[in-house]
């Protein structure tokens, strides 16, 4: 049986924390930042936890 390969798109988008949780980059910071207020830009900064309904699928794509 061959080894299971990690999904290339998933490994770029998801990260596993030390406690085993999955996090991803929040939406809205890619472009058009000049029209967003500084307050809004700070609020959407940072990683978000993967939604509970998507965790199983993301883990399978990552091979964990």
C-alpha atoms as a PDB file:
ATOM      1  CA  UNK A   1       0.000   0.000   0.000  1.00  0.00           C
ATOM      2  CA  UNK A   2       1.528   3.367  -0.986  1.00  0.00           C
ATOM      3  CA  UNK A   3       1.866   6.229   1.447  1.00  0.00           C
ATOM      4  CA  UNK A   4      -0.961   8.741   1.617  1.00  0.00           C
ATOM      5  CA  UNK A   5      -0.007  12.089   0.124  1.00  0.00           C
ATOM      6  CA  UNK A   6      -0.801  15.405   1.796  1.00  0.00           C
ATOM      7  CA  UNK A   7      -3.110  17.627  -0.253  1.00  0.00           C
ATOM      8  CA  UNK A   8      -0.905  20.458  -1.574  1.00  0.00           C
ATOM      9  CA  UNK A   9      -3.622  23.105  -1.326  1.00  0.00           C
ATOM     10  CA  UNK A  10      -4.549  22.104   2.205  1.00  0.00           C
ATOM     11  CA  UNK A  11      -1.011  22.228   3.556  1.00  0.00           C
ATOM     12  CA  UNK A  12      -0.739  25.847   2.356  1.00  0.00           C
ATOM     13  CA  UNK A  13      -4.007  26.861   4.026  1.00  0.00           C
ATOM     14  CA  UNK A  14      -4.213  24.972   7.320  1.00  0.00           C
ATOM     15  CA  UNK A  15      -1.869  24.726  10.281  1.00  0.00           C
ATOM     16  CA  UNK A  16      -2.039  22.365  13.249  1.00  0.00           C
ATOM     17  CA  UNK A  17      -1.449  23.967  16.641  1.00  0.00           C
ATOM     18  CA  UNK A  18       0.481  22.341  19.453  1.00  0.00           C
ATOM     19  CA  UNK A  19      -2.755  21.181  21.070  1.00  0.00           C
ATOM     20  CA  UNK A  20      -3.972  19.634  17.803  1.00  0.00           C
ATOM     21  CA  UNK A  21      -6.446  22.299  16.729  1.00  0.00           C
ATOM     22  CA  UNK A  22      -6.628  23.426  13.087  1.00  0.00           C
ATOM     23  CA  UNK A  23      -6.299  27.109  12.224  1.00  0.00           C
ATOM     24  CA  UNK A  24      -6.457  29.033   8.967  1.00  0.00           C
ATOM     25  CA  UNK A  25      -5.904  32.592   7.782  1.00  0.00           C
ATOM     26  CA  UNK A  26      -8.986  34.758   8.134  1.00  0.00           C
ATOM     27  CA  UNK A  27     -10.624  36.225   5.046  1.00  0.00           C
ATOM     28  CA  UNK A  28     -10.530  39.879   4.008  1.00  0.00           C
ATOM     29  CA  UNK A  29      -6.838  40.831   4.191  1.00  0.00           C
ATOM     30  CA  UNK A  30      -5.793  39.877   0.668  1.00  0.00           C
ATOM     31  CA  UNK A  31      -6.437  43.120  -1.186  1.00  0.00           C
ATOM     32  CA  UNK A  32      -8.350  46.431  -1.110  1.00  0.00           C
ATOM     33  CA  UNK A  33      -6.793  47.222   2.250  1.00  0.00           C
ATOM     34  CA  UNK A  34      -6.622  50.949   1.464  1.00  0.00           C
ATOM     35  CA  UNK A  35     -10.424  51.258   1.589  1.00  0.00           C
ATOM     36  CA  UNK A  36     -10.737  49.480   4.951  1.00  0.00           C
ATOM     37  CA  UNK A  37     -10.358  51.416   8.174  1.00  0.00           C
ATOM     38  CA  UNK A  38      -7.387  50.692  10.424  1.00  0.00           C
ATOM     39  CA  UNK A  39      -9.794  49.511  13.085  1.00  0.00           C
ATOM     40  CA  UNK A  40     -11.366  46.987  10.725  1.00  0.00           C
ATOM     41  CA  UNK A  41      -7.954  45.835   9.429  1.00  0.00           C
ATOM     42  CA  UNK A  42      -6.754  45.122  12.971  1.00  0.00           C
ATOM     43  CA  UNK A  43      -9.941  43.247  13.787  1.00  0.00           C
ATOM     44  CA  UNK A  44      -9.610  40.837  10.845  1.00  0.00           C
ATOM     45  CA  UNK A  45      -5.890  40.213  11.422  1.00  0.00           C
ATOM     46  CA  UNK A  46      -4.739  36.813  12.608  1.00  0.00           C
ATOM     47  CA  UNK A  47      -5.632  33.162  12.393  1.00  0.00           C
ATOM     48  CA  UNK A  48      -9.066  31.662  12.910  1.00  0.00           C
ATOM     49  CA  UNK A  49     -10.041  28.212  14.125  1.00  0.00           C
ATOM     50  CA  UNK A  50     -11.386  25.914  11.419  1.00  0.00           C
ATOM     51  CA  UNK A  51     -15.162  25.447  11.760  1.00  0.00           C
ATOM     52  CA  UNK A  52     -16.105  22.261  13.580  1.00  0.00           C
ATOM     53  CA  UNK A  53     -18.056  20.914  10.577  1.00  0.00           C
ATOM     54  CA  UNK A  54     -14.940  21.222   8.384  1.00  0.00           C
ATOM     55  CA  UNK A  55     -12.342  19.780  10.771  1.00  0.00           C
ATOM     56  CA  UNK A  56     -12.839  16.155   9.694  1.00  0.00           C
ATOM     57  CA  UNK A  57     -12.437  17.022   6.001  1.00  0.00           C
ATOM     58  CA  UNK A  58      -9.374  19.216   6.604  1.00  0.00           C
ATOM     59  CA  UNK A  59      -7.685  16.510   8.694  1.00  0.00           C
ATOM     60  CA  UNK A  60      -8.241  13.969   5.934  1.00  0.00           C
ATOM     61  CA  UNK A  61      -6.704  16.318   3.355  1.00  0.00           C
ATOM     62  CA  UNK A  62      -3.696  16.884   5.607  1.00  0.00           C
ATOM     63  CA  UNK A  63      -3.285  13.167   6.232  1.00  0.00           C
ATOM     64  CA  UNK A  64      -3.554  13.416  10.031  1.00  0.00           C
END
